[in-house]
């Protein structure tokens, strides 16, 4: 059975871009006699709010797509992510990175001067002398838990994943780097949680915006390491304003609540986003 999902974070009100993403997934499920699931990605406890979670339920009900099963909340499943992280650690694929973002930028800046911004980097632990790492560990300094990407790919061998628009994709280390999977003060990251969640919920088609295309390389690698099923992907277009900017939660004028208050109907919104 085809199973899709919509997985917002309760850090603000839903906007037109969210409506498009939710309808995109729900419509595919409906036309294929499948399931449409809703998940709250609420691991950011500093920014997530119960009021925003309640507002998401309200907005989806108004759009007519509340989800076919009870909502899965990531904050209820930290034990699942810990189990996955422990398995990767037992493989010798996880290491502590004590570099701050500023130091990452300084050390791993590209030759043309553009910093890596802590995203696609490798072996960051080797950038610090062993005695400095020991000193930071003893002091209880903050750290990120990173995946040794190249070692992980050597373990799995060549991997592919399929996007309904772009076709077959080969997993490439330069699209992943030693990605952060958890931090000292956070038991999981987006990448680890979403991979575990999609498998737990039986998602067979992951639909999301093109801005997350590179993330699918990460998730395919984690699926292989954790022996998880591999869904199909569809990275759809992004809804933007007249200047070509992607909508954000700070754009209060295009929140579903604001548009609803102005008298717009769900059908009006479907026309606005081209559905």
Protein backbone atom coordinates (compact mmCIF):
# COMPACT_ATOMS: atom_id res chain seq x y z
CA UNK A 1 0.00 0.00 0.00
CA UNK A 2 1.29 3.44 -0.91
CA UNK A 3 1.88 5.46 2.27
CA UNK A 4 2.81 9.13 2.30
CA UNK A 5 3.34 11.56 5.14
CA UNK A 6 3.38 15.24 6.03
CA UNK A 7 5.86 16.07 8.78
CA UNK A 8 5.89 19.70 9.93
CA UNK A 9 7.69 21.09 12.96
CA UNK A 10 5.46 22.90 15.49
CA UNK A 11 7.65 26.01 15.57
CA UNK A 12 5.13 28.37 13.96
CA UNK A 13 1.89 28.54 11.98
CA UNK A 14 1.52 26.62 8.73
CA UNK A 15 1.69 28.68 5.53
CA UNK A 16 0.88 28.24 1.84
CA UNK A 17 4.02 26.18 1.25
CA UNK A 18 2.94 23.75 3.95
CA UNK A 19 -0.54 23.51 2.44
CA UNK A 20 0.95 22.56 -0.92
CA UNK A 21 3.24 19.93 0.63
CA UNK A 22 0.43 18.44 2.69
CA UNK A 23 -2.02 18.32 -0.22
CA UNK A 24 0.67 16.90 -2.52
CA UNK A 25 1.20 13.94 -0.19
CA UNK A 26 -2.48 13.50 0.67
CA UNK A 27 -3.60 13.62 -2.96
CA UNK A 28 -1.13 10.91 -3.97
CA UNK A 29 -2.34 8.68 -1.16
CA UNK A 30 -6.00 9.29 -2.04
CA UNK A 31 -5.59 8.57 -5.76
CA UNK A 32 -3.77 5.33 -4.98
CA UNK A 33 -6.09 4.08 -2.21
CA UNK A 34 -3.20 4.55 0.18
CA UNK A 35 -2.53 6.11 3.57
CA UNK A 36 -1.69 9.72 4.39
CA UNK A 37 0.06 10.13 7.75
CA UNK A 38 0.90 13.17 9.84
CA UNK A 39 4.01 13.40 12.00
CA UNK A 40 5.14 16.23 14.27
CA UNK A 41 8.90 16.72 14.13
CA UNK A 42 9.18 18.31 17.55
CA UNK A 43 12.70 17.42 18.68
CA UNK A 44 13.67 21.11 18.91
CA UNK A 45 12.35 21.65 22.41
CA UNK A 46 13.49 25.28 22.51
CA UNK A 47 11.35 26.32 19.53
CA UNK A 48 8.48 23.83 19.45
CA UNK A 49 5.28 24.87 21.22
CA UNK A 50 2.08 22.96 22.12
CA UNK A 51 0.05 25.85 20.74
CA UNK A 52 1.65 25.42 17.32
CA UNK A 53 1.02 21.66 17.43
CA UNK A 54 -2.66 22.33 18.14
CA UNK A 55 -2.74 24.87 15.32
CA UNK A 56 -1.36 22.29 12.88
CA UNK A 57 -4.22 19.94 13.76
CA UNK A 58 -6.69 22.79 13.24
CA UNK A 59 -5.20 23.79 9.88
CA UNK A 60 -5.09 20.25 8.51
CA UNK A 61 -8.69 19.65 9.56
CA UNK A 62 -9.69 22.85 7.73
CA UNK A 63 -7.79 21.70 4.62
CA UNK A 64 -9.66 18.40 4.81
CA UNK A 65 -6.63 16.18 5.38
CA UNK A 66 -6.27 15.42 9.09
CA UNK A 67 -4.37 12.16 8.51
CA UNK A 68 -5.47 8.55 8.47
CA UNK A 69 -3.85 7.50 11.76
CA UNK A 70 -2.96 9.14 15.09
CA UNK A 71 -0.19 11.72 14.82
CA UNK A 72 3.31 10.44 15.59
CA UNK A 73 5.29 12.87 17.75
CA UNK A 74 9.05 12.53 17.60
CA UNK A 75 9.39 13.62 21.22
CA UNK A 76 7.65 10.38 22.21
CA UNK A 77 10.27 8.21 20.50
CA UNK A 78 13.68 9.25 21.77
CA UNK A 79 14.32 5.63 22.80
CA UNK A 80 13.97 4.56 19.15
CA UNK A 81 16.58 7.08 18.05
CA UNK A 82 18.90 6.11 20.91
CA UNK A 83 18.71 2.48 19.81
CA UNK A 84 19.59 3.41 16.23
CA UNK A 85 22.48 5.62 17.38
CA UNK A 86 23.80 2.87 19.65
CA UNK A 87 23.81 0.46 16.72
CA UNK A 88 25.82 2.87 14.58
CA UNK A 89 28.20 3.47 17.48
CA UNK A 90 28.76 -0.27 17.86
CA UNK A 91 29.88 -0.31 14.23
CA UNK A 92 32.59 2.22 15.02
CA UNK A 93 30.96 4.84 12.80
CA UNK A 94 30.20 7.59 15.34
CA UNK A 95 32.67 10.09 16.75
CA UNK A 96 32.61 13.23 18.87
CA UNK A 97 33.25 16.56 17.19
CA UNK A 98 34.14 19.42 19.55
CA UNK A 99 34.54 22.07 16.86
CA UNK A 100 32.22 25.07 17.05
CA UNK A 101 30.64 26.31 13.83
CA UNK A 102 33.12 29.20 13.73
CA UNK A 103 36.10 26.86 14.01
CA UNK A 104 34.60 24.54 11.42
CA UNK A 105 34.29 27.44 9.01
CA UNK A 106 37.85 28.54 9.66
CA UNK A 107 39.42 25.09 9.34
CA UNK A 108 37.35 23.65 6.50
CA UNK A 109 36.92 26.74 4.32
CA UNK A 110 37.02 25.89 0.63
CA UNK A 111 40.05 27.03 -1.44
CA UNK A 112 38.01 29.87 -2.97
CA UNK A 113 37.22 31.19 0.48
CA UNK A 114 33.65 29.99 0.95
CA UNK A 115 33.28 28.26 4.34
CA UNK A 116 31.81 24.79 4.55
CA UNK A 117 29.49 26.02 7.33
CA UNK A 118 29.89 22.72 9.15
CA UNK A 119 27.82 20.83 6.60
CA UNK A 120 29.88 18.70 4.18
CA UNK A 121 33.04 17.99 6.17
CA UNK A 122 35.02 14.85 6.94
CA UNK A 123 37.06 13.65 9.92
CA UNK A 124 36.60 16.80 11.94
CA UNK A 125 37.99 15.08 15.04
CA UNK A 126 41.40 14.94 13.32
CA UNK A 127 41.41 18.74 13.14
CA UNK A 128 42.08 18.91 16.88
CA UNK A 129 45.16 17.47 18.62
CA UNK A 130 44.39 14.49 20.83
CA UNK A 131 45.35 16.40 23.99
CA UNK A 132 42.91 19.19 23.16
CA UNK A 133 40.12 16.67 22.55
CA UNK A 134 40.91 15.09 25.92
CA UNK A 135 40.86 18.48 27.62
CA UNK A 136 37.49 19.39 26.09
CA UNK A 137 36.05 16.02 27.05
CA UNK A 138 37.23 16.39 30.63
CA UNK A 139 35.72 19.87 30.79
CA UNK A 140 32.34 18.58 29.60
CA UNK A 141 32.42 20.75 26.50
CA UNK A 142 29.53 20.61 24.01
CA UNK A 143 29.99 18.22 21.09
CA UNK A 144 28.26 16.82 18.05
CA UNK A 145 28.07 13.13 17.27
CA UNK A 146 29.03 12.67 13.63
CA UNK A 147 28.79 9.72 11.25
CA UNK A 148 32.02 8.65 9.56
CA UNK A 149 30.55 8.88 6.09
CA UNK A 150 33.35 7.36 4.03
CA UNK A 151 33.74 4.44 6.41
CA UNK A 152 29.98 3.94 6.36
CA UNK A 153 29.89 3.84 2.56
CA UNK A 154 32.82 1.44 2.53
CA UNK A 155 30.77 -0.81 4.79
CA UNK A 156 27.58 -0.68 2.73
CA UNK A 157 29.05 -0.62 -0.76
CA UNK A 158 27.40 1.37 -3.61
CA UNK A 159 23.88 2.60 -2.86
CA UNK A 160 21.11 4.10 -4.96
CA UNK A 161 17.74 5.70 -4.36
CA UNK A 162 14.96 6.72 -6.74
CA UNK A 163 13.26 10.06 -7.17
CA UNK A 164 10.08 10.17 -9.26
CA UNK A 165 11.27 13.34 -10.99
CA UNK A 166 15.06 13.02 -11.17
CA UNK A 167 15.25 9.24 -11.54
CA UNK A 168 17.87 6.91 -10.05
CA UNK A 169 20.50 8.55 -7.84
CA UNK A 170 23.85 7.20 -6.70
CA UNK A 171 24.66 7.95 -3.08
CA UNK A 172 27.76 10.17 -3.02
CA UNK A 173 29.93 11.02 -0.04
CA UNK A 174 30.27 14.65 -1.15
CA UNK A 175 26.50 15.04 -0.75
CA UNK A 176 26.64 13.78 2.84
CA UNK A 177 29.88 14.45 4.68
CA UNK A 178 30.25 13.43 8.31
CA UNK A 179 26.70 14.44 9.08
CA UNK A 180 25.61 15.26 12.65
CA UNK A 181 23.27 12.61 14.08
CA UNK A 182 22.98 13.90 17.66
CA UNK A 183 24.55 16.35 20.10
CA UNK A 184 25.52 16.32 23.74
CA UNK A 185 22.29 18.13 24.64
CA UNK A 186 20.08 16.65 21.91
CA UNK A 187 19.51 12.89 21.57
CA UNK A 188 18.88 12.96 17.83
CA UNK A 189 19.03 15.06 14.69
CA UNK A 190 16.59 15.56 11.86
CA UNK A 191 18.43 13.06 9.68
CA UNK A 192 18.42 10.20 12.18
CA UNK A 193 14.89 10.81 13.47
CA UNK A 194 13.23 11.10 10.07
CA UNK A 195 14.91 7.94 8.79
CA UNK A 196 13.80 5.92 11.81
CA UNK A 197 10.31 7.45 11.71
CA UNK A 198 9.67 6.76 8.02
CA UNK A 199 10.54 3.11 8.56
CA UNK A 200 8.46 2.84 11.74
CA UNK A 201 5.43 4.36 10.03
CA UNK A 202 5.74 2.24 6.91
CA UNK A 203 6.17 5.21 4.59
CA UNK A 204 6.65 3.99 1.02
CA UNK A 205 6.79 7.37 -0.76
CA UNK A 206 8.57 10.34 0.82
CA UNK A 207 7.31 13.59 -0.67
CA UNK A 208 9.06 16.84 0.21
CA UNK A 209 10.50 19.98 -1.34
CA UNK A 210 13.47 20.11 -3.68
CA UNK A 211 15.45 21.92 -0.99
CA UNK A 212 15.76 18.57 0.82
CA UNK A 213 17.05 16.60 -2.18
CA UNK A 214 20.58 16.25 -0.77
CA UNK A 215 19.17 14.92 2.52
CA UNK A 216 17.95 11.81 0.74
CA UNK A 217 21.57 10.73 0.20
CA UNK A 218 22.02 10.82 3.98
CA UNK A 219 18.81 8.94 4.65
CA UNK A 220 19.57 6.23 2.10
CA UNK A 221 22.92 5.59 3.77
CA UNK A 222 21.31 5.36 7.21
CA UNK A 223 18.66 2.98 5.87
CA UNK A 224 21.39 0.66 4.60
CA UNK A 225 23.35 0.78 7.86
CA UNK A 226 20.25 0.16 10.00
CA UNK A 227 18.67 -2.46 7.71
CA UNK A 228 15.59 -0.32 7.14
CA UNK A 229 13.24 -0.45 4.13
CA UNK A 230 13.92 1.98 1.30
CA UNK A 231 11.01 4.20 0.22
CA UNK A 232 10.65 5.96 -3.11
CA UNK A 233 11.05 9.75 -3.18
CA UNK A 234 9.36 12.65 -4.91
CA UNK A 235 10.98 16.05 -4.38
CA UNK A 236 8.38 18.55 -5.53
CA UNK A 237 8.57 22.22 -6.43
CA UNK A 238 8.65 24.90 -3.76
CA UNK A 239 5.93 27.51 -3.38
CA UNK A 240 7.45 30.98 -3.57
CA UNK A 241 6.33 34.60 -3.43
CA UNK A 242 6.34 37.03 -6.35
CA UNK A 243 10.06 37.66 -5.80
CA UNK A 244 10.88 33.96 -5.97
CA UNK A 245 11.49 33.63 -2.24
CA UNK A 246 10.35 30.49 -0.46
CA UNK A 247 7.64 31.08 2.12
CA UNK A 248 8.72 30.90 5.76
CA UNK A 249 6.85 30.76 9.06
CA UNK A 250 7.76 34.36 9.74
CA UNK A 251 5.63 35.39 6.72
CA UNK A 252 2.48 35.97 8.73
CA UNK A 253 0.47 37.25 5.75
CA UNK A 254 0.49 33.82 4.09
CA UNK A 255 -0.23 31.65 7.13
CA UNK A 256 -3.28 29.48 6.72
CA UNK A 257 -4.83 31.14 9.77
CA UNK A 258 -4.47 34.61 8.19
CA UNK A 259 -5.82 33.48 4.83
CA UNK A 260 -8.74 31.75 6.55
CA UNK A 261 -9.50 34.92 8.53
CA UNK A 262 -9.58 36.87 5.26
CA UNK A 263 -12.36 34.61 4.04
CA UNK A 264 -10.40 32.33 1.73
CA UNK A 265 -11.58 28.75 1.34
CA UNK A 266 -9.42 25.65 1.01
CA UNK A 267 -10.32 25.59 -2.71
CA UNK A 268 -9.03 29.17 -3.02
CA UNK A 269 -5.72 28.03 -1.58
CA UNK A 270 -5.52 25.06 -3.93
CA UNK A 271 -5.83 27.46 -6.82
CA UNK A 272 -3.19 29.75 -5.32
CA UNK A 273 -0.64 26.91 -5.19
CA UNK A 274 -1.59 25.46 -8.55
CA UNK A 275 -3.33 22.24 -7.49
